[in-house]
Protein backbone atom coordinates (compact mmCIF):
# COMPACT_ATOMS: atom_id res chain seq x y z
CA UNK A 1 263.53 -24.56 -52.13
CA UNK A 2 261.63 -22.46 -50.31
CA UNK A 3 258.26 -23.77 -52.64
CA UNK A 4 259.52 -27.75 -52.28
CA UNK A 5 259.99 -26.93 -48.26
CA UNK A 6 256.28 -25.50 -48.55
CA UNK A 7 255.26 -29.11 -50.58
CA UNK A 8 256.58 -31.30 -48.24
CA UNK A 9 255.35 -29.11 -45.19
CA UNK A 10 251.87 -29.43 -46.88
CA UNK A 11 252.46 -33.09 -47.91
CA UNK A 12 253.40 -33.54 -43.75
CA UNK A 13 249.92 -32.27 -42.74
CA UNK A 14 247.99 -33.36 -45.44
CA UNK A 15 249.10 -36.94 -43.31
CA UNK A 16 249.10 -35.98 -40.35
CA UNK A 17 244.91 -35.64 -40.64
CA UNK A 18 244.51 -38.56 -42.55
CA UNK A 19 246.54 -40.43 -39.89
CA UNK A 20 243.97 -39.16 -37.56
CA UNK A 21 240.47 -39.87 -39.65
CA UNK A 22 242.21 -43.38 -40.08
CA UNK A 23 242.24 -44.29 -36.69
CA UNK A 24 237.85 -43.95 -36.86
CA UNK A 25 236.12 -46.11 -37.96
CA UNK A 26 232.06 -46.10 -38.17
CA UNK A 27 230.40 -49.46 -38.41
CA UNK A 28 226.38 -50.09 -37.92
CA UNK A 29 225.45 -50.73 -34.45
CA UNK A 30 221.74 -51.70 -33.94
CA UNK A 31 220.45 -49.14 -31.61
CA UNK A 32 223.13 -47.13 -32.04
CA UNK A 33 223.12 -44.16 -33.72
CA UNK A 34 226.37 -42.31 -35.28
CA UNK A 35 228.63 -44.76 -33.72
CA UNK A 36 232.16 -44.07 -34.63
CA UNK A 37 235.16 -46.07 -32.76
CA UNK A 38 238.45 -45.10 -31.79
CA UNK A 39 241.54 -47.26 -31.06
CA UNK A 40 240.73 -50.33 -29.11
CA UNK A 41 239.61 -48.33 -25.37
CA UNK A 42 236.80 -46.04 -26.25
CA UNK A 43 233.79 -45.66 -29.22
CA UNK A 44 231.99 -42.27 -29.56
CA UNK A 45 228.14 -42.08 -30.61
CA UNK A 46 224.90 -40.60 -30.20
CA UNK A 47 221.86 -41.84 -28.94
CA UNK A 48 221.35 -45.36 -28.06
CA UNK A 49 218.49 -47.44 -27.15
CA UNK A 50 217.92 -49.54 -24.41
CA UNK A 51 218.40 -52.55 -27.13
CA UNK A 52 221.11 -51.00 -28.70
CA UNK A 53 222.98 -51.33 -25.04
CA UNK A 54 223.30 -55.31 -25.27
CA UNK A 55 225.26 -54.10 -29.07
CA UNK A 56 227.84 -52.68 -27.40
CA UNK A 57 228.30 -54.52 -24.85
CA UNK A 58 228.85 -57.56 -28.09
CA UNK A 59 231.45 -55.25 -28.86
CA UNK A 60 233.32 -56.06 -25.83
CA UNK A 61 232.63 -52.67 -23.71
CA UNK A 62 232.81 -52.67 -20.48
CA UNK A 63 232.03 -49.01 -18.95
CA UNK A 64 228.38 -47.22 -20.91
CA UNK A 65 228.79 -43.19 -19.86
CA UNK A 66 225.49 -41.46 -20.94
CA UNK A 67 226.13 -37.28 -21.13
CA UNK A 68 222.10 -36.73 -22.45
CA UNK A 69 219.74 -35.00 -20.14
CA UNK A 70 216.65 -36.40 -19.09
CA UNK A 71 214.63 -33.34 -20.50
CA UNK A 72 216.12 -34.68 -23.94
CA UNK A 73 213.05 -35.75 -26.94
CA UNK A 74 213.39 -39.78 -27.10
CA UNK A 75 215.98 -40.22 -23.61
CA UNK A 76 215.34 -42.89 -21.87
CA UNK A 77 217.87 -42.85 -18.99
CA UNK A 78 216.22 -45.39 -16.52
CA UNK A 79 215.58 -47.67 -19.73
CA UNK A 80 219.09 -48.09 -20.92
CA UNK A 81 220.60 -47.50 -17.15
CA UNK A 82 218.23 -50.65 -16.62
CA UNK A 83 219.67 -53.04 -19.61
CA UNK A 84 223.42 -51.97 -18.57
CA UNK A 85 222.28 -53.88 -15.01
CA UNK A 86 220.79 -57.05 -16.53
CA UNK A 87 223.79 -57.48 -18.81
CA UNK A 88 226.41 -56.33 -16.33
CA UNK A 89 227.79 -53.56 -18.28
CA UNK A 90 228.98 -50.42 -16.55
CA UNK A 91 226.60 -47.64 -16.62
CA UNK A 92 227.64 -43.82 -15.83
CA UNK A 93 225.17 -41.28 -16.30
CA UNK A 94 226.73 -37.17 -16.78
CA UNK A 95 224.39 -35.11 -18.03
CA UNK A 96 225.95 -32.52 -20.01
CA UNK A 97 224.06 -28.97 -21.37
CA UNK A 98 225.48 -29.07 -24.79
CA UNK A 99 224.21 -24.98 -24.58
CA UNK A 100 226.03 -24.22 -20.89
CA UNK A 101 228.52 -27.13 -20.75
CA UNK A 102 229.54 -27.26 -16.81
CA UNK A 103 233.52 -27.97 -16.27
CA UNK A 104 232.54 -29.89 -13.09
CA UNK A 105 230.63 -32.04 -15.65
CA UNK A 106 234.28 -32.52 -17.50
CA UNK A 107 236.41 -33.14 -14.31
CA UNK A 108 234.22 -36.20 -13.61
CA UNK A 109 234.04 -37.31 -17.37
CA UNK A 110 237.53 -37.55 -17.32
CA UNK A 111 237.77 -39.46 -14.16
CA UNK A 112 235.46 -42.30 -15.13
CA UNK A 113 237.27 -42.71 -19.04
CA UNK A 114 240.32 -42.70 -17.07
CA UNK A 115 239.90 -45.36 -14.63
CA UNK A 116 241.13 -48.14 -16.58
CA UNK A 117 238.76 -50.49 -14.31
CA UNK A 118 236.30 -48.58 -17.51
CA UNK A 119 237.92 -49.97 -20.65
CA UNK A 120 236.94 -50.09 -23.17
CA UNK A 121 234.62 -47.17 -22.90
CA UNK A 122 231.72 -46.22 -24.52
CA UNK A 123 230.47 -42.71 -24.10
CA UNK A 124 227.42 -40.89 -25.62
CA UNK A 125 225.00 -38.10 -26.27
CA UNK A 126 221.86 -37.83 -28.15
CA UNK A 127 224.20 -37.00 -31.78
CA UNK A 128 227.62 -37.61 -30.75
CA UNK A 129 228.67 -34.16 -30.81
CA UNK A 130 229.18 -33.56 -26.91
CA UNK A 131 231.05 -37.37 -26.61
CA UNK A 132 233.75 -35.74 -29.66
CA UNK A 133 233.54 -32.37 -27.31
CA UNK A 134 234.01 -34.58 -24.33
CA UNK A 135 236.99 -37.26 -25.91
CA UNK A 136 239.08 -33.59 -27.34
CA UNK A 137 239.42 -32.48 -23.49
CA UNK A 138 240.55 -35.83 -22.86
CA UNK A 139 243.08 -35.72 -25.61
CA UNK A 140 243.83 -32.25 -24.67
CA UNK A 141 243.90 -32.61 -20.67
CA UNK A 142 245.13 -36.00 -20.33
CA UNK A 143 247.19 -37.03 -23.14
CA UNK A 144 248.72 -33.71 -24.37
CA UNK A 145 247.53 -33.17 -27.96
CA UNK A 146 247.84 -30.06 -29.53
CA UNK A 147 244.62 -28.20 -30.68
CA UNK A 148 244.68 -29.29 -34.53
CA UNK A 149 245.34 -33.01 -33.77
CA UNK A 150 242.92 -33.55 -30.95
CA UNK A 151 240.20 -31.22 -33.65
CA UNK A 152 240.76 -33.55 -36.52
CA UNK A 153 240.15 -36.56 -34.17
CA UNK A 154 237.22 -34.97 -32.32
CA UNK A 155 235.81 -33.75 -36.02
CA UNK A 156 235.99 -37.85 -37.29
CA UNK A 157 234.03 -39.14 -33.68
CA UNK A 158 231.55 -36.12 -34.93
CA UNK A 159 231.86 -32.92 -33.18
CA UNK A 160 230.74 -30.14 -34.85
CA UNK A 161 228.89 -27.83 -33.23
CA UNK A 162 231.60 -24.20 -32.99
CA UNK A 163 230.57 -23.71 -30.07
CA UNK A 164 231.45 -27.19 -28.01
CA UNK A 165 235.17 -27.24 -30.07
CA UNK A 166 235.24 -23.27 -28.36
CA UNK A 167 233.79 -25.08 -24.81
CA UNK A 168 236.89 -28.15 -25.30
CA UNK A 169 239.87 -25.46 -26.05
CA UNK A 170 239.08 -22.94 -23.37
CA UNK A 171 238.79 -26.35 -20.67
CA UNK A 172 241.87 -27.03 -21.95
CA UNK A 173 243.48 -23.94 -21.78
CA UNK A 174 242.09 -23.51 -18.00
CA UNK A 175 243.28 -27.21 -16.93
CA UNK A 176 246.79 -27.59 -18.66
CA UNK A 177 249.03 -30.11 -16.19
CA UNK A 178 252.56 -29.41 -15.20
């Protein structure tokens, strides 16, 4: 009987993990690195060129949230902002240092991503790591997900940094909603 319970628990856990990964689609998008689409309200990605902004718009996204810092190699904040303005897509720049993430930036992210007028939202950084970490925080704090489920989804979206995962978990623990 105990083995049967263990097997059922393992099967349920496997289905939960597979279900979380099944929601993430990773199509190739010109001008966008590591594009990962989740549901119809969010996509996370890495480096995005000004030309990639037009592709993001074609996919139906209304808002771009760029987490890159101006000092990052290859970052073209002005070009991306201009491209967004030219085609009528909202552009929000929330620079986040992956080595020393600022909780105030996360607060701003949660407001921006939670605004229905901004959805669907395309969030990117250089690799997708920071974007996935902030989405994990949204899942934990706003959606009330447990850590395992949020972590599994974030990993599927591109979260690979143990430090950013720890930051996400710590932020969520300190910002629980009643």
